[in-house]
Amino acid sequence: MEKMTVTNLFNMSFGKTFFVGVIEGSSTFIKKGKWKLLVNNNLVDEIEIEGEQIPIRKNAQTEERVLASTKIFDKSLVRIGIDKIVLEKIQNLD
């Protein structure tokens, strides 16, 4: 299954959270699915990802990719750059 190591996250004004990070286990476009959010190996939440926001580019300067959740995530639950934040796919929804 796919797994993302999250390096940053952004709450958008239109009610979604963008998770930025490196994805292991998939080189294809990520589609809608249920994911679990782990912080320092502890389950914090189960979230629905509506899909990847930026298509994969073969000549990209970075391996980071962007996944969008269907709701705002409480950023106070994590410390970016300090905590190990991981999204792990539970199941596809399409």
C-alpha atoms as a PDB file:
ATOM      1  CA  MET A   1       0.000   0.000   0.000  1.00  0.00           C
ATOM      2  CA  GLU A   2       0.975   3.621  -0.479  1.00  0.00           C
ATOM      3  CA  LYS A   3       2.561   5.592   2.329  1.00  0.00           C
ATOM      4  CA  MET A   4       3.464   9.304   2.489  1.00  0.00           C
ATOM      5  CA  THR A   5       6.064  10.828   4.779  1.00  0.00           C
ATOM      6  CA  VAL A   6       4.570  14.285   5.344  1.00  0.00           C
ATOM      7  CA  THR A   7       6.988  17.228   5.262  1.00  0.00           C
ATOM      8  CA  ASN A   8       4.378  20.003   5.409  1.00  0.00           C
ATOM      9  CA  LEU A   9       0.649  20.600   5.481  1.00  0.00           C
ATOM     10  CA  PHE A  10      -1.514  23.552   4.590  1.00  0.00           C
ATOM     11  CA  ASN A  11      -5.105  24.291   5.596  1.00  0.00           C
ATOM     12  CA  MET A  12      -6.806  25.939   2.649  1.00  0.00           C
ATOM     13  CA  SER A  13      -9.511  28.602   2.952  1.00  0.00           C
ATOM     14  CA  PHE A  14     -11.889  26.436   0.910  1.00  0.00           C
ATOM     15  CA  GLY A  15     -12.064  23.703   3.583  1.00  0.00           C
ATOM     16  CA  LYS A  16      -9.368  21.222   2.630  1.00  0.00           C
ATOM     17  CA  THR A  17      -5.903  20.334   3.905  1.00  0.00           C
ATOM     18  CA  PHE A  18      -3.018  19.759   1.506  1.00  0.00           C
ATOM     19  CA  PHE A  19      -0.457  17.234   2.733  1.00  0.00           C
ATOM     20  CA  VAL A  20       2.990  17.578   1.110  1.00  0.00           C
ATOM     21  CA  GLY A  21       5.551  14.797   1.190  1.00  0.00           C
ATOM     22  CA  VAL A  22       7.270  11.853  -0.435  1.00  0.00           C
ATOM     23  CA  ILE A  23       5.151   8.820  -1.360  1.00  0.00           C
ATOM     24  CA  GLU A  24       6.463   5.261  -1.175  1.00  0.00           C
ATOM     25  CA  GLY A  25       4.788   2.339  -2.891  1.00  0.00           C
ATOM     26  CA  SER A  26       3.280   4.197  -5.844  1.00  0.00           C
ATOM     27  CA  SER A  27       4.544   5.935  -8.922  1.00  0.00           C
ATOM     28  CA  THR A  28       1.034   6.456 -10.278  1.00  0.00           C
ATOM     29  CA  PHE A  29      -1.465   9.223  -9.641  1.00  0.00           C
ATOM     30  CA  ILE A  30      -3.082   8.799  -6.185  1.00  0.00           C
ATOM     31  CA  LYS A  31      -6.873   8.578  -6.272  1.00  0.00           C
ATOM     32  CA  LYS A  32      -9.583   8.893  -3.643  1.00  0.00           C
ATOM     33  CA  GLY A  33      -9.123   6.739  -0.554  1.00  0.00           C
ATOM     34  CA  LYS A  34      -9.147   6.344   3.216  1.00  0.00           C
ATOM     35  CA  TRP A  35      -5.826   6.933   4.934  1.00  0.00           C
ATOM     36  CA  LYS A  36      -4.638   6.764   8.522  1.00  0.00           C
ATOM     37  CA  LEU A  37      -2.577   9.616   9.922  1.00  0.00           C
ATOM     38  CA  LEU A  38       0.227   8.533  12.229  1.00  0.00           C
ATOM     39  CA  VAL A  39       2.270  10.936  14.342  1.00  0.00           C
ATOM     40  CA  ASN A  40       5.366   9.392  15.906  1.00  0.00           C
ATOM     41  CA  ASN A  41       3.859   5.954  15.112  1.00  0.00           C
ATOM     42  CA  ASN A  42       0.614   6.752  16.989  1.00  0.00           C
ATOM     43  CA  LEU A  43      -2.735   6.803  15.185  1.00  0.00           C
ATOM     44  CA  VAL A  44      -4.098  10.361  15.329  1.00  0.00           C
ATOM     45  CA  ASP A  45      -6.915  10.267  12.782  1.00  0.00           C
ATOM     46  CA  GLU A  46      -8.393   8.482   9.797  1.00  0.00           C
ATOM     47  CA  ILE A  47      -8.946  10.859   6.911  1.00  0.00           C
ATOM     48  CA  GLU A  48     -10.343  10.764   3.412  1.00  0.00           C
ATOM     49  CA  ILE A  49      -7.964  11.846   0.684  1.00  0.00           C
ATOM     50  CA  GLU A  50      -9.784  13.052  -2.402  1.00  0.00           C
ATOM     51  CA  GLY A  51      -6.733  12.628  -4.590  1.00  0.00           C
ATOM     52  CA  GLU A  52      -3.435  13.999  -5.705  1.00  0.00           C
ATOM     53  CA  GLN A  53      -3.351  17.690  -6.604  1.00  0.00           C
ATOM     54  CA  ILE A  54      -0.324  17.958  -8.879  1.00  0.00           C
ATOM     55  CA  PRO A  55       0.389  15.398 -11.623  1.00  0.00           C
ATOM     56  CA  ILE A  56       3.632  13.442 -11.365  1.00  0.00           C
ATOM     57  CA  ARG A  57       6.374  15.059 -13.433  1.00  0.00           C
ATOM     58  CA  LYS A  58       9.264  12.902 -14.588  1.00  0.00           C
ATOM     59  CA  ASN A  59      11.735  15.817 -14.628  1.00  0.00           C
ATOM     60  CA  ALA A  60      10.627  17.411 -11.346  1.00  0.00           C
ATOM     61  CA  GLN A  61      13.196  19.070  -9.095  1.00  0.00           C
ATOM     62  CA  THR A  62      11.626  17.364  -6.066  1.00  0.00           C
ATOM     63  CA  GLU A  63      10.027  14.037  -5.247  1.00  0.00           C
ATOM     64  CA  GLU A  64       7.403  15.743  -3.079  1.00  0.00           C
ATOM     65  CA  ARG A  65       3.778  15.276  -4.017  1.00  0.00           C
ATOM     66  CA  VAL A  66       0.547  16.867  -2.755  1.00  0.00           C
ATOM     67  CA  LEU A  67      -2.537  15.044  -1.466  1.00  0.00           C
ATOM     68  CA  ALA A  68      -5.778  16.850  -0.571  1.00  0.00           C
ATOM     69  CA  SER A  69      -8.053  15.799   2.272  1.00  0.00           C
ATOM     70  CA  THR A  70     -11.787  16.389   2.234  1.00  0.00           C
ATOM     71  CA  LYS A  71     -11.704  18.390   5.492  1.00  0.00           C
ATOM     72  CA  ILE A  72      -9.549  20.753   7.539  1.00  0.00           C
ATOM     73  CA  PHE A  73      -6.998  19.000   9.760  1.00  0.00           C
ATOM     74  CA  ASP A  74      -6.152  20.398  13.220  1.00  0.00           C
ATOM     75  CA  LYS A  75      -2.506  21.411  12.757  1.00  0.00           C
ATOM     76  CA  SER A  76      -2.053  21.826  16.516  1.00  0.00           C
ATOM     77  CA  LEU A  77      -1.889  18.010  16.745  1.00  0.00           C
ATOM     78  CA  VAL A  78       1.503  17.941  14.975  1.00  0.00           C
ATOM     79  CA  ARG A  79       4.835  19.745  15.037  1.00  0.00           C
ATOM     80  CA  ILE A  80       6.123  20.091  11.459  1.00  0.00           C
ATOM     81  CA  GLY A  81       9.852  19.356  11.266  1.00  0.00           C
ATOM     82  CA  ILE A  82       9.866  17.706  14.708  1.00  0.00           C
ATOM     83  CA  ASP A  83       7.249  14.936  14.631  1.00  0.00           C
ATOM     84  CA  LYS A  84       7.358  11.985  12.251  1.00  0.00           C
ATOM     85  CA  ILE A  85       4.101  12.412  10.294  1.00  0.00           C
ATOM     86  CA  VAL A  86       3.002   9.570   8.021  1.00  0.00           C
ATOM     87  CA  LEU A  87      -0.120   8.917   5.969  1.00  0.00           C
ATOM     88  CA  GLU A  88      -0.809   5.233   5.196  1.00  0.00           C
ATOM     89  CA  LYS A  89      -3.510   4.172   2.761  1.00  0.00           C
ATOM     90  CA  ILE A  90      -6.198   1.922   4.223  1.00  0.00           C
ATOM     91  CA  GLN A  91      -8.408   1.460   1.156  1.00  0.00           C
ATOM     92  CA  ASN A  92      -9.360   2.897  -2.213  1.00  0.00           C
ATOM     93  CA  LEU A  93     -12.777   4.556  -2.521  1.00  0.00           C
ATOM     94  CA  ASP A  94     -13.146   4.539  -6.307  1.00  0.00           C
END
